[in-house]
């Protein structure tokens, strides 16, 4: 009865094993003791798979990575329907082994294809996925090389790597010109139509100069990568700056001196009032600016001192806990069991606390097998971009507060898009948006960089139908998965 019930899955795994055997790789599966917690093992495997995707293992060893994801899904499905423990552990063990093999093969791909991988990254960073079919063709060639490496056909991969590397390089240059220089040209054409060059001629001329310099440099120096990107970004910045200066100059043109001075004073006072800074509207504007800058510097110093104090307090707490455990004379098993119960109780209390941080329209907060998930519904990005807008700062401040509520955590940031546009563009965009949130949290000292994983899933994990605008809006999201860590008391053996 059991064989008949799981026959389709057994056949799938048998076929997969046959394919891998043809590739010359034999899977070594380490059995798992039945005393292990399947829920914790599944959670660990899922995090390992997510981490591997972030490390590009899904493209550097596509077949083995897909097998590990298949085993993970099978383990979760068995767990959900209350299947046999032995079956669940077998799927987990196979997933582990498959992911380990994928990691090994990905390292081999990195050693055989270093230039290809580097040029692929540069092309993607430049926006090459937006080139559509031309990018898709080169990507297929790249996957062909990594699949060959999975099958130990190193000769084939070496033979084709130079061509694919050059193709990515050409895509990068095209993407830079189409996406960045093309946008600059479009903005300056708009400036001509709207005659903003008459209102702000200096910034217009500067933007034109930087556009010409960037275009000529990219054409003459196709391998000066860093300088090429710097010039392109500088030209784009200048073009956007010109339009903004022209807009503001137009608004200010008709103003009398006193209303203009009052407007500047209002903006400076609005900033100063949010800081522990005195009201200096009876001083000149330069002094008011210095007042703001000095107040910000003072706050930064105080924050640094506060974090140092918290760190010292934590060290003292750990020492006291160690001493208490020693005095109580408890065994490691007894101490661990007590701490697990306390940790579970504390997690539930902190979960309820974090839920109060967010309004329903901002985020959905829920528990998932010892993890806390924050689904940011109000997080918005400009169309096709990964820039974090100031209107998101308040929401991200609440995220920082939620993360800091726990003592020791790992954080996964998942980026998701709707299905509009190509799969390649959505995958990259979701990855860039997740990474933008990671960079924001690191810059604000929420967590260390190595404690955060940022991964993009594109449109592969929708929550609603992409056929309606409402459904697409739901699918465009950032999910944060907080995993608190059980930490034994210092001094336990």
Protein backbone atom coordinates (compact mmCIF):
# COMPACT_ATOMS: atom_id res chain seq x y z
CA UNK A 1 0.00 0.00 0.00
CA UNK A 2 2.85 2.37 0.92
CA UNK A 3 4.70 1.64 -2.35
CA UNK A 4 1.58 2.33 -4.41
CA UNK A 5 0.89 5.54 -2.53
CA UNK A 6 4.33 7.01 -3.19
CA UNK A 7 5.03 5.35 -6.55
CA UNK A 8 5.00 8.64 -8.58
CA UNK A 9 7.54 10.24 -6.27
CA UNK A 10 9.73 7.12 -6.19
CA UNK A 11 9.71 7.06 -10.00
CA UNK A 12 10.71 10.74 -10.16
CA UNK A 13 13.60 10.19 -7.76
CA UNK A 14 14.63 7.03 -9.62
CA UNK A 15 14.70 8.90 -12.95
CA UNK A 16 16.64 11.76 -11.37
CA UNK A 17 19.14 9.33 -9.92
CA UNK A 18 19.53 7.70 -13.32
CA UNK A 19 20.20 11.04 -14.99
CA UNK A 20 22.82 11.97 -12.41
CA UNK A 21 24.48 8.59 -12.79
CA UNK A 22 24.79 9.25 -16.53
CA UNK A 23 26.59 12.45 -15.65
CA UNK A 24 29.25 10.52 -13.78
CA UNK A 25 28.29 11.72 -10.26
CA UNK A 26 27.15 9.28 -7.60
CA UNK A 27 25.01 10.73 -4.84
CA UNK A 28 26.19 9.94 -1.32
CA UNK A 29 23.25 10.15 1.10
CA UNK A 30 23.98 10.25 4.82
CA UNK A 31 21.07 8.77 6.82
CA UNK A 32 19.45 10.89 9.56
CA UNK A 33 18.70 9.56 13.04
CA UNK A 34 15.00 9.31 13.87
CA UNK A 35 15.62 11.25 17.07
CA UNK A 36 16.16 14.43 15.02
CA UNK A 37 13.31 16.96 14.75
CA UNK A 38 11.95 16.88 11.16
CA UNK A 39 10.50 20.40 11.43
CA UNK A 40 13.87 21.86 12.42
CA UNK A 41 15.66 19.86 9.72
CA UNK A 42 13.25 21.09 7.03
CA UNK A 43 13.70 24.67 8.22
CA UNK A 44 17.49 24.26 8.10
CA UNK A 45 17.40 22.71 4.62
CA UNK A 46 15.14 25.50 3.36
CA UNK A 47 17.55 28.13 4.65
CA UNK A 48 20.47 26.27 3.05
CA UNK A 49 18.64 26.13 -0.28
CA UNK A 50 17.82 29.84 -0.05
CA UNK A 51 21.45 30.64 0.76
CA UNK A 52 22.58 28.53 -2.20
CA UNK A 53 20.25 30.43 -4.53
CA UNK A 54 21.74 33.69 -3.28
CA UNK A 55 25.18 32.27 -4.14
CA UNK A 56 23.96 31.54 -7.69
CA UNK A 57 24.17 27.76 -7.20
CA UNK A 58 20.87 27.47 -9.09
CA UNK A 59 22.64 28.51 -12.32
CA UNK A 60 26.13 27.16 -11.58
CA UNK A 61 24.75 23.67 -10.91
CA UNK A 62 21.16 23.85 -12.19
CA UNK A 63 20.30 20.15 -12.31
CA UNK A 64 21.52 19.25 -8.82
CA UNK A 65 20.01 22.41 -7.34
CA UNK A 66 16.62 21.58 -8.86
CA UNK A 67 16.84 18.07 -7.37
CA UNK A 68 17.48 19.53 -3.90
CA UNK A 69 14.45 21.84 -4.24
CA UNK A 70 12.33 18.88 -5.36
CA UNK A 71 13.40 16.86 -2.30
CA UNK A 72 12.68 19.84 -0.03
CA UNK A 73 9.17 20.22 -1.49
CA UNK A 74 8.56 16.49 -1.06
CA UNK A 75 9.68 16.61 2.61
CA UNK A 76 7.41 19.59 3.31
CA UNK A 77 4.48 17.91 1.59
CA UNK A 78 4.95 14.72 3.63
CA UNK A 79 5.27 16.74 6.82
CA UNK A 80 2.09 18.69 6.07
CA UNK A 81 -0.02 15.60 5.49
CA UNK A 82 1.44 13.71 8.46
CA UNK A 83 3.41 11.16 6.50
CA UNK A 84 5.83 8.55 7.79
CA UNK A 85 8.82 9.96 9.69
CA UNK A 86 11.20 7.68 7.78
CA UNK A 87 9.96 9.06 4.44
CA UNK A 88 10.34 12.68 5.60
CA UNK A 89 13.87 12.06 6.87
CA UNK A 90 14.78 10.28 3.63
CA UNK A 91 13.69 13.26 1.55
CA UNK A 92 15.65 15.61 3.81
CA UNK A 93 18.76 13.44 3.63
CA UNK A 94 18.54 13.31 -0.17
CA UNK A 95 17.99 17.07 -0.34
CA UNK A 96 21.06 17.65 1.80
CA UNK A 97 23.18 15.37 -0.36
CA UNK A 98 21.88 16.91 -3.59
CA UNK A 99 22.54 20.42 -2.33
CA UNK A 100 26.03 19.45 -1.20
CA UNK A 101 26.71 18.03 -4.65
CA UNK A 102 25.30 21.21 -6.20
CA UNK A 103 27.65 23.27 -4.04
CA UNK A 104 30.62 21.13 -5.14
CA UNK A 105 29.66 21.39 -8.80
CA UNK A 106 29.13 25.14 -8.50
CA UNK A 107 32.67 25.49 -7.14
CA UNK A 108 33.92 23.56 -10.15
CA UNK A 109 31.94 25.89 -12.42
CA UNK A 110 33.55 28.87 -10.71
CA UNK A 111 37.03 27.48 -11.29
CA UNK A 112 36.36 26.62 -14.94
CA UNK A 113 34.29 29.72 -15.86
CA UNK A 114 35.60 32.64 -13.74
CA UNK A 115 35.58 35.22 -16.56
CA UNK A 116 32.17 34.09 -17.82
CA UNK A 117 30.65 34.36 -14.34
CA UNK A 118 32.17 37.79 -13.76
CA UNK A 119 31.01 39.15 -17.14
CA UNK A 120 27.55 37.68 -16.58
CA UNK A 121 27.29 39.52 -13.25
CA UNK A 122 28.41 42.79 -14.83
CA UNK A 123 25.92 42.36 -17.67
CA UNK A 124 23.07 41.67 -15.26
CA UNK A 125 24.04 44.61 -13.04
CA UNK A 126 23.98 46.84 -16.13
CA UNK A 127 20.43 45.69 -16.93
CA UNK A 128 21.13 43.20 -19.74
CA UNK A 129 18.05 41.06 -18.91
CA UNK A 130 15.94 43.93 -20.28
CA UNK A 131 17.43 43.26 -23.73
CA UNK A 132 15.01 40.36 -24.03
CA UNK A 133 15.69 37.54 -26.47
CA UNK A 134 19.34 38.51 -27.02
CA UNK A 135 20.03 38.09 -23.30
CA UNK A 136 17.97 34.90 -23.07
CA UNK A 137 20.04 33.26 -25.83
CA UNK A 138 23.33 33.99 -24.08
CA UNK A 139 21.92 32.86 -20.74
CA UNK A 140 20.91 29.55 -22.34
CA UNK A 141 24.47 29.14 -23.64
CA UNK A 142 25.82 29.78 -20.13
CA UNK A 143 23.47 27.21 -18.57
CA UNK A 144 24.65 24.78 -21.27
CA UNK A 145 28.21 25.21 -20.02
CA UNK A 146 27.32 24.66 -16.37
CA UNK A 147 25.22 21.60 -17.23
CA UNK A 148 28.21 20.20 -19.10
CA UNK A 149 30.36 20.75 -16.01
CA UNK A 150 27.77 18.91 -13.90
CA UNK A 151 28.30 15.96 -16.22
CA UNK A 152 32.10 16.32 -15.90
CA UNK A 153 32.38 17.43 -19.54
CA UNK A 154 35.02 20.06 -18.71
CA UNK A 155 36.45 20.06 -22.24
CA UNK A 156 33.14 21.26 -23.72
CA UNK A 157 32.84 24.00 -21.10
CA UNK A 158 36.38 25.25 -21.70
CA UNK A 159 35.85 25.23 -25.45
CA UNK A 160 32.75 27.45 -25.25
CA UNK A 161 33.61 29.75 -22.35
CA UNK A 162 35.45 32.48 -24.30
CA UNK A 163 32.56 32.96 -26.71
CA UNK A 164 29.96 33.19 -23.95
CA UNK A 165 32.17 35.54 -21.94
CA UNK A 166 32.49 37.88 -24.93
CA UNK A 167 28.74 37.74 -25.54
CA UNK A 168 28.05 38.86 -21.97
CA UNK A 169 30.58 41.64 -22.39
CA UNK A 170 28.80 42.92 -25.50
CA UNK A 171 25.46 42.71 -23.71
CA UNK A 172 26.85 44.76 -20.83
CA UNK A 173 27.99 47.58 -23.13
CA UNK A 174 24.67 47.56 -24.97
CA UNK A 175 22.76 47.61 -21.71
CA UNK A 176 24.76 50.53 -20.38
CA UNK A 177 24.10 52.56 -23.51
CA UNK A 178 20.45 51.55 -23.87
CA UNK A 179 19.49 51.77 -20.23
CA UNK A 180 21.67 54.57 -18.90
CA UNK A 181 22.85 56.69 -21.82
CA UNK A 182 19.49 56.15 -23.53
CA UNK A 183 17.68 57.46 -20.46
CA UNK A 184 19.96 60.49 -20.36
CA UNK A 185 19.20 61.28 -24.00
CA UNK A 186 15.49 60.94 -23.32
CA UNK A 187 15.68 63.35 -20.37
CA UNK A 188 17.62 65.94 -22.37
CA UNK A 189 15.19 65.66 -25.28
CA UNK A 190 12.44 66.38 -22.78
CA UNK A 191 14.47 69.40 -21.61
CA UNK A 192 14.47 70.71 -25.19
CA UNK A 193 10.73 70.18 -25.61
CA UNK A 194 9.93 71.91 -22.32
CA UNK A 195 12.62 74.57 -22.91
CA UNK A 196 14.03 74.02 -19.43
CA UNK A 197 17.49 74.72 -20.84
CA UNK A 198 16.46 78.40 -20.91
CA UNK A 199 15.54 78.40 -17.22
CA UNK A 200 18.63 76.46 -16.04
CA UNK A 201 21.27 76.74 -18.82
CA UNK A 202 24.30 75.90 -16.66
CA UNK A 203 23.01 72.55 -15.43
CA UNK A 204 21.74 71.72 -18.94
CA UNK A 205 25.17 72.36 -20.47
CA UNK A 206 26.80 70.28 -17.76
CA UNK A 207 24.42 67.38 -18.45
CA UNK A 208 25.12 67.60 -22.20
CA UNK A 209 28.85 67.62 -21.55
CA UNK A 210 28.69 64.54 -19.33
CA UNK A 211 26.48 62.69 -21.83
CA UNK A 212 28.96 63.30 -24.66
CA UNK A 213 31.90 62.30 -22.45
CA UNK A 214 30.19 59.08 -21.32
CA UNK A 215 29.11 58.08 -24.84
CA UNK A 216 32.58 58.64 -26.29
CA UNK A 217 34.32 56.90 -23.40
CA UNK A 218 32.13 53.79 -23.62
CA UNK A 219 32.81 53.51 -27.35
CA UNK A 220 36.57 53.98 -27.05
CA UNK A 221 37.17 52.09 -23.79
CA UNK A 222 34.83 49.07 -23.74
CA UNK A 223 36.93 47.29 -21.09
CA UNK A 224 37.37 50.18 -18.63
CA UNK A 225 34.40 48.85 -16.69
CA UNK A 226 34.44 50.88 -13.50
CA UNK A 227 35.14 54.23 -15.15
CA UNK A 228 32.56 53.53 -17.85
CA UNK A 229 29.81 52.91 -15.31
CA UNK A 230 30.89 55.92 -13.27
CA UNK A 231 30.66 58.25 -16.27
CA UNK A 232 27.29 56.85 -17.30
CA UNK A 233 25.84 57.29 -13.82
CA UNK A 234 27.29 60.80 -13.57
CA UNK A 235 25.59 61.77 -16.85
CA UNK A 236 22.26 60.37 -15.66
CA UNK A 237 22.55 62.20 -12.35
CA UNK A 238 23.30 65.49 -14.15
CA UNK A 239 20.32 65.14 -16.48
CA UNK A 240 17.92 64.44 -13.60
CA UNK A 241 19.47 67.27 -11.60
CA UNK A 242 18.97 69.74 -14.46
CA UNK A 243 15.25 68.98 -14.71
CA UNK A 244 14.80 69.31 -10.96
CA UNK A 245 16.77 72.56 -10.81
CA UNK A 246 14.73 73.94 -13.72
CA UNK A 247 11.47 72.96 -12.02
CA UNK A 248 12.42 74.60 -8.75
CA UNK A 249 13.87 77.66 -10.49
CA UNK A 250 10.58 78.10 -12.34
CA UNK A 251 8.63 77.98 -9.09
CA UNK A 252 10.96 80.46 -7.39
CA UNK A 253 11.24 82.83 -10.33
CA UNK A 254 8.11 84.83 -9.47
CA UNK A 255 8.70 84.92 -5.72
CA UNK A 256 9.66 88.09 -3.88
CA UNK A 257 12.80 88.04 -1.67
CA UNK A 258 11.02 87.74 1.69
CA UNK A 259 8.71 84.81 0.74
CA UNK A 260 11.74 83.08 -0.76
CA UNK A 261 13.78 83.54 2.42
CA UNK A 262 10.84 82.34 4.54
CA UNK A 263 10.54 79.21 2.37
CA UNK A 264 14.20 78.34 2.92
CA UNK A 265 13.88 79.06 6.65
CA UNK A 266 10.79 76.84 6.85
CA UNK A 267 12.64 73.86 5.32
CA UNK A 268 15.64 74.29 7.63
CA UNK A 269 13.43 74.66 10.70
CA UNK A 270 11.40 71.58 9.70
CA UNK A 271 14.59 69.50 9.83
CA UNK A 272 15.92 71.10 13.01
CA UNK A 273 12.62 70.59 14.86
CA UNK A 274 12.93 66.81 14.37
CA UNK A 275 16.33 66.88 16.07
CA UNK A 276 17.42 67.78 19.60
CA UNK A 277 18.53 71.14 18.19
CA UNK A 278 17.78 74.68 19.40
CA UNK A 279 15.62 77.05 17.38
CA UNK A 280 18.10 79.24 15.47
CA UNK A 281 15.80 81.08 13.12
CA UNK A 282 17.25 84.31 14.50
CA UNK A 283 20.61 83.40 12.89
CA UNK A 284 21.81 83.32 9.29
CA UNK A 285 21.15 80.31 7.06
CA UNK A 286 24.75 79.01 7.25
CA UNK A 287 24.51 78.88 11.05
CA UNK A 288 21.18 77.05 10.84
CA UNK A 289 22.75 74.45 8.55
CA UNK A 290 25.69 73.99 10.95
CA UNK A 291 23.15 73.57 13.76
CA UNK A 292 21.50 70.68 11.89
CA UNK A 293 24.80 69.00 10.93
CA UNK A 294 26.13 69.23 14.48
CA UNK A 295 22.93 67.78 15.94
CA UNK A 296 23.04 64.80 13.58
CA UNK A 297 26.69 64.14 14.47
CA UNK A 298 25.80 64.22 18.17
CA UNK A 299 22.98 61.73 17.66
CA UNK A 300 25.29 59.36 15.79
CA UNK A 301 27.79 59.50 18.65
CA UNK A 302 25.09 58.85 21.26
CA UNK A 303 23.77 55.91 19.26
CA UNK A 304 27.24 54.39 19.02
CA UNK A 305 27.71 54.78 22.77
CA UNK A 306 24.30 53.21 23.43
CA UNK A 307 25.12 50.17 21.28
CA UNK A 308 28.41 49.74 23.11
CA UNK A 309 26.59 49.91 26.45
CA UNK A 310 24.05 47.29 25.32
CA UNK A 311 26.92 45.02 24.24
CA UNK A 312 28.58 45.35 27.67
CA UNK A 313 25.28 44.59 29.41
CA UNK A 314 24.81 41.47 27.29
CA UNK A 315 28.28 40.23 28.21
CA UNK A 316 27.47 40.72 31.89
CA UNK A 317 24.16 38.89 31.48
CA UNK A 318 25.91 35.94 29.82
CA UNK A 319 28.43 35.76 32.66
CA UNK A 320 25.66 35.79 35.29
CA UNK A 321 23.75 33.06 33.45
CA UNK A 322 26.87 30.92 33.30
CA UNK A 323 27.45 31.38 37.01
CA UNK A 324 23.83 30.60 37.83
CA UNK A 325 23.95 27.37 35.81
CA UNK A 326 27.13 26.38 37.60
CA UNK A 327 25.63 27.03 41.04
CA UNK A 328 22.46 25.12 40.22
CA UNK A 329 24.59 22.14 39.22
CA UNK A 330 22.28 21.18 36.40
CA UNK A 331 23.28 18.80 33.65
CA UNK A 332 23.58 19.99 30.09
CA UNK A 333 20.40 18.17 29.09
CA UNK A 334 18.39 19.71 31.93
CA UNK A 335 19.75 23.18 31.26
CA UNK A 336 19.13 22.87 27.52
CA UNK A 337 15.55 21.64 28.00
CA UNK A 338 14.77 24.52 30.35
CA UNK A 339 16.31 27.07 28.02
CA UNK A 340 14.36 25.70 25.05
CA UNK A 341 11.10 26.09 26.94
CA UNK A 342 12.05 29.58 27.99
CA UNK A 343 13.13 30.42 24.44
CA UNK A 344 9.82 29.19 23.03
CA UNK A 345 7.88 31.21 25.58
CA UNK A 346 9.98 34.28 24.90
CA UNK A 347 9.56 33.87 21.12
CA UNK A 348 5.77 33.81 21.45
CA UNK A 349 5.83 36.91 23.65
CA UNK A 350 8.12 38.78 21.27
CA UNK A 351 6.01 37.70 18.30
CA UNK A 352 2.95 39.30 19.87
CA UNK A 353 5.01 42.41 20.60
CA UNK A 354 6.25 42.71 17.01
CA UNK A 355 2.71 42.41 15.66
CA UNK A 356 1.81 45.64 17.45
CA UNK A 357 4.52 47.53 15.55
CA UNK A 358 2.71 47.36 12.21
CA UNK A 359 -0.68 48.49 11.04
CA UNK A 360 -2.64 45.92 8.97
CA UNK A 361 -2.20 47.97 5.79
CA UNK A 362 1.59 48.06 6.31
CA UNK A 363 2.49 44.45 6.91
CA UNK A 364 1.28 40.98 7.76
CA UNK A 365 3.16 39.35 10.66
CA UNK A 366 2.88 35.62 11.34
CA UNK A 367 4.77 32.63 12.75
CA UNK A 368 6.10 29.76 10.65
CA UNK A 369 7.83 26.83 12.35
CA UNK A 370 9.88 28.83 14.82
CA UNK A 371 10.38 31.74 12.43
CA UNK A 372 8.72 35.14 12.32
CA UNK A 373 7.63 36.35 8.89
CA UNK A 374 6.99 40.02 8.10
CA UNK A 375 5.27 40.49 4.74
CA UNK A 376 5.67 44.14 3.78
CA UNK A 377 2.50 45.11 1.92
CA UNK A 378 3.17 48.86 1.93
CA UNK A 379 6.74 48.68 0.58
CA UNK A 380 6.83 50.52 -2.75
CA UNK A 381 9.56 50.91 -5.37
CA UNK A 382 9.59 53.02 -8.55
CA UNK A 383 8.48 50.98 -11.58
CA UNK A 384 11.34 48.78 -12.80
CA UNK A 385 13.75 50.13 -10.15
CA UNK A 386 15.20 49.07 -6.78
CA UNK A 387 15.61 52.52 -5.20
CA UNK A 388 14.27 52.81 -1.65
CA UNK A 389 12.14 55.94 -1.52
CA UNK A 390 11.99 58.21 1.56
CA UNK A 391 8.30 57.38 2.05
CA UNK A 392 9.42 53.82 2.95
CA UNK A 393 11.75 54.96 5.75
CA UNK A 394 9.02 54.87 8.40
CA UNK A 395 8.07 51.30 7.48
CA UNK A 396 11.71 50.17 7.45
CA UNK A 397 12.23 51.80 10.86
CA UNK A 398 9.53 49.46 12.17
CA UNK A 399 11.33 46.54 10.51
CA UNK A 400 14.54 47.57 12.30
CA UNK A 401 12.66 47.70 15.59
CA UNK A 402 11.21 44.23 14.94
CA UNK A 403 14.62 42.71 14.18
CA UNK A 404 16.22 44.34 17.23
CA UNK A 405 13.46 42.95 19.44
CA UNK A 406 15.32 39.61 19.28
CA UNK A 407 18.82 39.04 20.69
CA UNK A 408 20.41 36.80 18.07
CA UNK A 409 18.80 36.24 14.67
CA UNK A 410 19.46 35.49 11.04
CA UNK A 411 17.38 37.35 8.47
CA UNK A 412 16.27 36.36 4.98
CA UNK A 413 14.95 39.12 2.72
CA UNK A 414 12.89 37.82 -0.20
CA UNK A 415 12.05 40.00 -3.19
CA UNK A 416 8.96 39.15 -5.27
CA UNK A 417 7.46 40.71 -8.41
CA UNK A 418 4.33 40.22 -10.48
CA UNK A 419 4.51 38.48 -13.86
CA UNK A 420 4.64 41.67 -15.94
CA UNK A 421 7.76 41.66 -18.13
CA UNK A 422 10.23 38.87 -18.86
CA UNK A 423 11.22 36.23 -16.31
CA UNK A 424 14.89 37.29 -16.48
CA UNK A 425 14.11 40.94 -15.77
CA UNK A 426 11.79 40.04 -12.87
CA UNK A 427 14.35 37.69 -11.33
CA UNK A 428 17.04 40.36 -11.39
CA UNK A 429 14.73 43.16 -10.23
CA UNK A 430 13.46 41.14 -7.25
CA UNK A 431 17.05 40.29 -6.32
CA UNK A 432 18.11 43.95 -6.53
CA UNK A 433 15.15 45.11 -4.42
CA UNK A 434 15.87 42.52 -1.72
CA UNK A 435 19.53 43.57 -1.74
CA UNK A 436 18.54 47.26 -1.48
CA UNK A 437 16.63 46.47 1.73
CA UNK A 438 19.64 44.50 3.02
CA UNK A 439 21.98 47.43 2.29
CA UNK A 440 19.58 49.79 4.09
CA UNK A 441 19.45 47.60 7.21
CA UNK A 442 23.22 47.13 7.27
CA UNK A 443 23.82 50.88 6.80
CA UNK A 444 21.54 51.53 9.79
CA UNK A 445 23.40 48.93 11.90
CA UNK A 446 20.38 46.68 12.28
CA UNK A 447 22.38 43.50 11.61
CA UNK A 448 25.81 42.61 10.28
CA UNK A 449 25.99 41.98 6.52
CA UNK A 450 26.77 38.27 6.98
CA UNK A 451 23.64 37.82 9.13
CA UNK A 452 21.35 38.76 6.24
CA UNK A 453 20.56 36.81 3.09
CA UNK A 454 18.92 38.70 0.21
CA UNK A 455 17.33 36.58 -2.49
CA UNK A 456 15.04 37.31 -5.43
CA UNK A 457 12.27 34.96 -6.58
CA UNK A 458 10.89 37.11 -9.40
CA UNK A 459 7.31 36.07 -10.15
CA UNK A 460 7.81 32.40 -9.21
CA UNK A 461 5.96 32.56 -5.86
CA UNK A 462 2.72 34.50 -6.42
CA UNK A 463 0.17 34.92 -3.63
CA UNK A 464 -2.65 35.96 -5.97
CA UNK A 465 -3.59 35.83 -9.64
CA UNK A 466 -1.49 38.02 -11.91
CA UNK A 467 -4.50 38.52 -14.18
CA UNK A 468 -5.84 41.44 -12.12
CA UNK A 469 -4.21 44.68 -10.95
CA UNK A 470 -5.14 43.85 -7.36
CA UNK A 471 -3.49 40.45 -7.63
CA UNK A 472 -0.35 41.91 -9.21
CA UNK A 473 -0.13 44.50 -6.42
CA UNK A 474 -0.28 41.70 -3.83
CA UNK A 475 2.47 39.76 -5.59
CA UNK A 476 4.83 42.77 -5.65
CA UNK A 477 6.23 42.50 -2.14
CA UNK A 478 9.18 42.11 0.21
CA UNK A 479 9.07 39.25 2.72
CA UNK A 480 11.38 39.21 5.74
CA UNK A 481 11.98 35.92 7.57
CA UNK A 482 13.48 36.28 11.05
CA UNK A 483 15.04 33.16 12.56
CA UNK A 484 15.87 33.57 16.27
CA UNK A 485 18.69 31.36 17.47
CA UNK A 486 18.65 29.13 20.50
CA UNK A 487 21.81 30.06 22.39
CA UNK A 488 22.99 27.80 25.26
CA UNK A 489 24.06 29.60 28.39
CA UNK A 490 27.78 30.30 28.56
CA UNK A 491 29.62 27.70 30.61
CA UNK A 492 27.36 24.77 29.57
CA UNK A 493 29.29 21.67 28.52
